Amino acid sequence: PMLFIGENVGSGSEPQVDIAVDPIDGTRLLSNGMPNALAVVALSERGTMHYPPQIAYMEK
């Protein structure tokens, strides 16, 4: 599963926060319940997280 910008998760009760999650390595390990997966998680007060604009990737 993946979280998308603007997606709501949880019960909707306080505290409401913005969440950023980035799986770095071992997503298959994690999905299979195995150890040694690595991810970064950031939380901020609701409405305070910076969302950079979409970037178009180009081949060089």
C-alpha atoms as a PDB file:
ATOM      1  CA  PRO A   1       0.000   0.000   0.000  1.00  0.00           C
ATOM      2  CA  MET A   2       1.002   3.581  -0.545  1.00  0.00           C
ATOM      3  CA  LEU A   3       0.020   6.913   1.010  1.00  0.00           C
ATOM      4  CA  PHE A   4      -0.891   9.753  -1.324  1.00  0.00           C
ATOM      5  CA  ILE A   5      -0.850  13.515  -0.717  1.00  0.00           C
ATOM      6  CA  GLY A   6      -4.154  14.498   0.882  1.00  0.00           C
ATOM      7  CA  GLU A   7      -5.082  10.954   1.894  1.00  0.00           C
ATOM      8  CA  ASN A   8      -6.691  10.623   5.327  1.00  0.00           C
ATOM      9  CA  VAL A   9      -5.692   7.791   7.657  1.00  0.00           C
ATOM     10  CA  GLY A  10      -6.573   7.003  11.247  1.00  0.00           C
ATOM     11  CA  SER A  11      -9.735   7.651  13.236  1.00  0.00           C
ATOM     12  CA  GLY A  12      -9.995  11.401  12.542  1.00  0.00           C
ATOM     13  CA  SER A  13      -9.715  12.291  16.227  1.00  0.00           C
ATOM     14  CA  GLU A  14      -7.036  14.506  17.771  1.00  0.00           C
ATOM     15  CA  PRO A  15      -4.160  15.005  17.292  1.00  0.00           C
ATOM     16  CA  GLN A  16      -4.354  15.642  13.554  1.00  0.00           C
ATOM     17  CA  VAL A  17      -0.941  15.639  11.862  1.00  0.00           C
ATOM     18  CA  ASP A  18       0.625  15.551   8.410  1.00  0.00           C
ATOM     19  CA  ILE A  19       2.627  12.384   7.693  1.00  0.00           C
ATOM     20  CA  ALA A  20       5.399  11.715   5.192  1.00  0.00           C
ATOM     21  CA  VAL A  21       6.629   8.136   4.731  1.00  0.00           C
ATOM     22  CA  ASP A  22       9.443   7.048   2.429  1.00  0.00           C
ATOM     23  CA  PRO A  23      10.391   3.365   2.216  1.00  0.00           C
ATOM     24  CA  ILE A  24      14.139   3.336   1.631  1.00  0.00           C
ATOM     25  CA  ASP A  25      15.016  -0.344   1.436  1.00  0.00           C
ATOM     26  CA  GLY A  26      13.401  -3.695   2.086  1.00  0.00           C
ATOM     27  CA  THR A  27       9.772  -2.980   1.239  1.00  0.00           C
ATOM     28  CA  ARG A  28       9.302  -6.605   0.214  1.00  0.00           C
ATOM     29  CA  LEU A  29      10.850  -7.745   3.507  1.00  0.00           C
ATOM     30  CA  LEU A  30       8.425  -5.559   5.430  1.00  0.00           C
ATOM     31  CA  SER A  31       5.390  -6.719   3.447  1.00  0.00           C
ATOM     32  CA  ASN A  32       6.371 -10.310   4.287  1.00  0.00           C
ATOM     33  CA  GLY A  33       6.743  -9.522   8.008  1.00  0.00           C
ATOM     34  CA  MET A  34      10.516  -9.974   7.988  1.00  0.00           C
ATOM     35  CA  PRO A  35      13.144  -7.794   9.733  1.00  0.00           C
ATOM     36  CA  ASN A  36      15.725  -5.373   8.285  1.00  0.00           C
ATOM     37  CA  ALA A  37      13.410  -3.057   6.336  1.00  0.00           C
ATOM     38  CA  LEU A  38      14.253   0.653   6.492  1.00  0.00           C
ATOM     39  CA  ALA A  39      11.913   3.627   6.145  1.00  0.00           C
ATOM     40  CA  VAL A  40      11.833   7.310   7.070  1.00  0.00           C
ATOM     41  CA  VAL A  41       8.761   8.795   8.753  1.00  0.00           C
ATOM     42  CA  ALA A  42       8.125  12.496   9.426  1.00  0.00           C
ATOM     43  CA  LEU A  43       5.221  14.080  11.320  1.00  0.00           C
ATOM     44  CA  SER A  44       4.251  17.743  11.567  1.00  0.00           C
ATOM     45  CA  GLU A  45       1.314  19.733  12.865  1.00  0.00           C
ATOM     46  CA  ARG A  46      -1.660  19.581  10.498  1.00  0.00           C
ATOM     47  CA  GLY A  47      -1.200  21.951   7.539  1.00  0.00           C
ATOM     48  CA  THR A  48       2.458  22.796   8.196  1.00  0.00           C
ATOM     49  CA  MET A  49       4.305  20.248   6.032  1.00  0.00           C
ATOM     50  CA  HIS A  50       5.922  21.569   2.853  1.00  0.00           C
ATOM     51  CA  TYR A  51       4.740  19.888  -0.341  1.00  0.00           C
ATOM     52  CA  PRO A  52       7.115  20.668  -3.225  1.00  0.00           C
ATOM     53  CA  PRO A  53       5.569  21.014  -6.693  1.00  0.00           C
ATOM     54  CA  GLN A  54       5.428  18.054  -9.073  1.00  0.00           C
ATOM     55  CA  ILE A  55       8.671  17.614 -10.994  1.00  0.00           C
ATOM     56  CA  ALA A  56       8.801  16.287 -14.550  1.00  0.00           C
ATOM     57  CA  TYR A  57      11.677  13.851 -14.983  1.00  0.00           C
ATOM     58  CA  MET A  58      13.563  13.955 -18.267  1.00  0.00           C
ATOM     59  CA  GLU A  59      16.030  11.615 -19.881  1.00  0.00           C
ATOM     60  CA  LYS A  60      19.455  13.130 -20.427  1.00  0.00           C
END
